[in-house]
Each structure stands twice: as C-alpha cells, then as structure tokens.
Amino acid sequence: MNYRSFRTIAGLCVLLVCMIVCTLAAAQEKQAKSQAVSSADTQDKASSQTAAGEKLFRTHCGRCHNPPESLSPREARAVVRHMRVRATLTTGDERLILKFLAP
C-alpha cells in the first residue's frame, strides 16, 4: 500500500468518526430536550392536581374545616379516609385532596 492510499483511508476514517460523534451528540441533545419537556409536563400536571385538590377541599371539607398547616402523608391519608363518607368523596376526589394536603 502506498502513501496516497494510506492518506485516503485515514481521511475516510476521520470522516466516519466525525459523523458518528455528531450523530451521538445530536441524539443526546434530543434526549435531554425530551426529558426537560417531560419534567415540565410532570410539574404542570402535579400543580394542576394540587389546585384541583384544593378546590375539592374547599368545596367538601371547607364547610367544617380550615386547611391544616402541615400533615404527614400518613396523617393526611387517615384523615381523608375517615372523612370520605361524611363528605361524599369519590376515590378520585380523595386522591386529589391528598395531593393538596400532603404533596
């Protein structure tokens, strides 16, 4: 093999490596963007569920109770479970109120 053939093959290898690196970088960038969008969607969904839970609390529970300052998730589950029948809450309502009481 002569020097000119070697240079051609080396140049093609460098070009191939550059193409692979660019492809990998583009794929990582696309994945990072999709994760950022997914994270934002999750936060928006959680905040909308909390707002819906607050509205349900004020509608069903606020007739007799003020929202507590802080409850552990365990305490919140016990309270909501005991008051579910009296406040005529559905399972979905119970879940949203729990998101509001103990996020």
Protein backbone atom coordinates (compact mmCIF):
# COMPACT_ATOMS: atom_id res chain seq x y z
CA MET A 1 0.00 0.00 0.00
CA ASN A 2 1.40 3.37 -0.94
CA TYR A 3 1.34 6.65 1.00
CA ARG A 4 -1.51 8.17 -1.05
CA SER A 5 -3.83 5.19 -0.38
CA PHE A 6 -2.99 5.36 3.30
CA ARG A 7 -3.88 9.08 3.43
CA THR A 8 -7.20 8.40 1.67
CA ILE A 9 -8.11 5.60 4.05
CA ALA A 10 -7.07 7.68 7.09
CA GLY A 11 -9.14 10.62 5.84
CA LEU A 12 -12.18 8.40 5.38
CA CYS A 13 -11.75 7.00 8.90
CA VAL A 14 -11.56 10.51 10.37
CA LEU A 15 -14.68 11.49 8.44
CA LEU A 16 -16.51 8.39 9.68
CA VAL A 17 -15.54 9.10 13.31
CA CYS A 18 -16.71 12.72 12.97
CA MET A 19 -20.07 11.58 11.59
CA ILE A 20 -20.53 9.12 14.47
CA VAL A 21 -19.64 11.74 17.09
CA CYS A 22 -22.05 14.28 15.56
CA THR A 23 -24.84 11.69 15.43
CA LEU A 24 -24.31 10.73 19.07
CA ALA A 25 -24.21 14.37 20.16
CA ALA A 26 -27.46 15.10 18.31
CA ALA A 27 -29.14 12.05 19.89
CA GLN A 28 -28.03 13.11 23.39
CA GLU A 29 -29.29 16.66 22.81
CA LYS A 30 -32.65 15.35 21.60
CA GLN A 31 -32.93 13.08 24.66
CA ALA A 32 -32.06 15.96 27.02
CA LYS A 33 -34.73 18.16 25.43
CA SER A 34 -37.39 15.45 25.68
CA GLN A 35 -36.53 14.87 29.35
CA ALA A 36 -36.79 18.60 30.05
CA VAL A 37 -40.21 18.76 28.36
CA SER A 38 -41.33 15.64 30.22
CA SER A 39 -40.21 17.13 33.53
CA ALA A 40 -42.08 20.38 32.83
CA ASP A 41 -45.23 18.43 31.90
CA THR A 42 -44.98 16.43 35.12
CA GLN A 43 -44.64 19.60 37.20
CA ASP A 44 -47.59 21.21 35.41
CA LYS A 45 -49.71 18.11 35.98
CA ALA A 46 -48.77 17.96 39.66
CA SER A 47 -49.58 21.64 40.20
CA SER A 48 -52.92 21.31 38.41
CA GLN A 49 -53.77 18.25 40.56
CA THR A 50 -52.84 20.19 43.70
CA ALA A 51 -55.06 23.08 42.59
CA ALA A 52 -57.93 20.68 41.87
CA GLY A 53 -57.40 19.08 45.29
CA GLU A 54 -57.50 22.48 46.96
CA LYS A 55 -60.77 23.32 45.18
CA LEU A 56 -62.28 19.99 46.27
CA PHE A 57 -61.09 20.54 49.84
CA ARG A 58 -62.72 23.96 49.95
CA THR A 59 -65.94 22.56 48.45
CA HIS A 60 -66.32 19.42 50.56
CA CYS A 61 -64.16 19.87 53.66
CA GLY A 62 -64.02 23.65 53.94
CA ARG A 63 -67.61 23.76 55.16
CA CYS A 64 -66.39 22.50 58.53
CA HIS A 65 -62.58 22.64 58.47
CA ASN A 66 -59.76 25.04 57.67
CA PRO A 67 -56.85 23.57 55.70
CA PRO A 68 -54.23 22.25 58.13
CA GLU A 69 -50.82 23.92 58.23
CA SER A 70 -48.99 20.66 57.66
CA LEU A 71 -49.78 16.98 57.76
CA SER A 72 -47.60 13.99 57.09
CA PRO A 73 -48.78 11.82 54.20
CA ARG A 74 -49.77 9.15 56.72
CA GLU A 75 -51.87 11.57 58.79
CA ALA A 76 -53.48 13.02 55.67
CA ARG A 77 -54.49 9.56 54.42
CA ALA A 78 -56.05 8.70 57.79
CA VAL A 79 -57.99 11.97 58.00
CA VAL A 80 -59.29 11.80 54.43
CA ARG A 81 -60.18 8.13 54.77
CA HIS A 82 -62.27 8.84 57.89
CA MET A 83 -63.99 11.86 56.38
CA ARG A 84 -64.58 10.34 52.93
CA VAL A 85 -68.09 9.03 53.64
CA ARG A 86 -69.24 12.14 55.51
CA ALA A 87 -68.02 14.45 52.77
CA THR A 88 -69.31 12.17 49.96
CA LEU A 89 -65.92 11.99 48.25
CA THR A 90 -65.20 9.77 45.29
CA THR A 91 -61.95 7.86 45.08
CA GLY A 92 -60.64 10.44 42.60
CA ASP A 93 -61.64 13.29 44.91
CA GLU A 94 -59.87 11.57 47.79
CA ARG A 95 -56.67 11.21 45.74
CA LEU A 96 -56.68 14.88 44.68
CA ILE A 97 -57.36 16.12 48.21
CA LEU A 98 -54.46 14.01 49.44
CA LYS A 99 -52.21 15.67 46.83
CA PHE A 100 -53.29 19.03 48.24
CA LEU A 101 -52.90 18.12 51.91
CA ALA A 102 -49.59 16.23 51.66
CA PRO A 103 -47.84 16.95 48.36
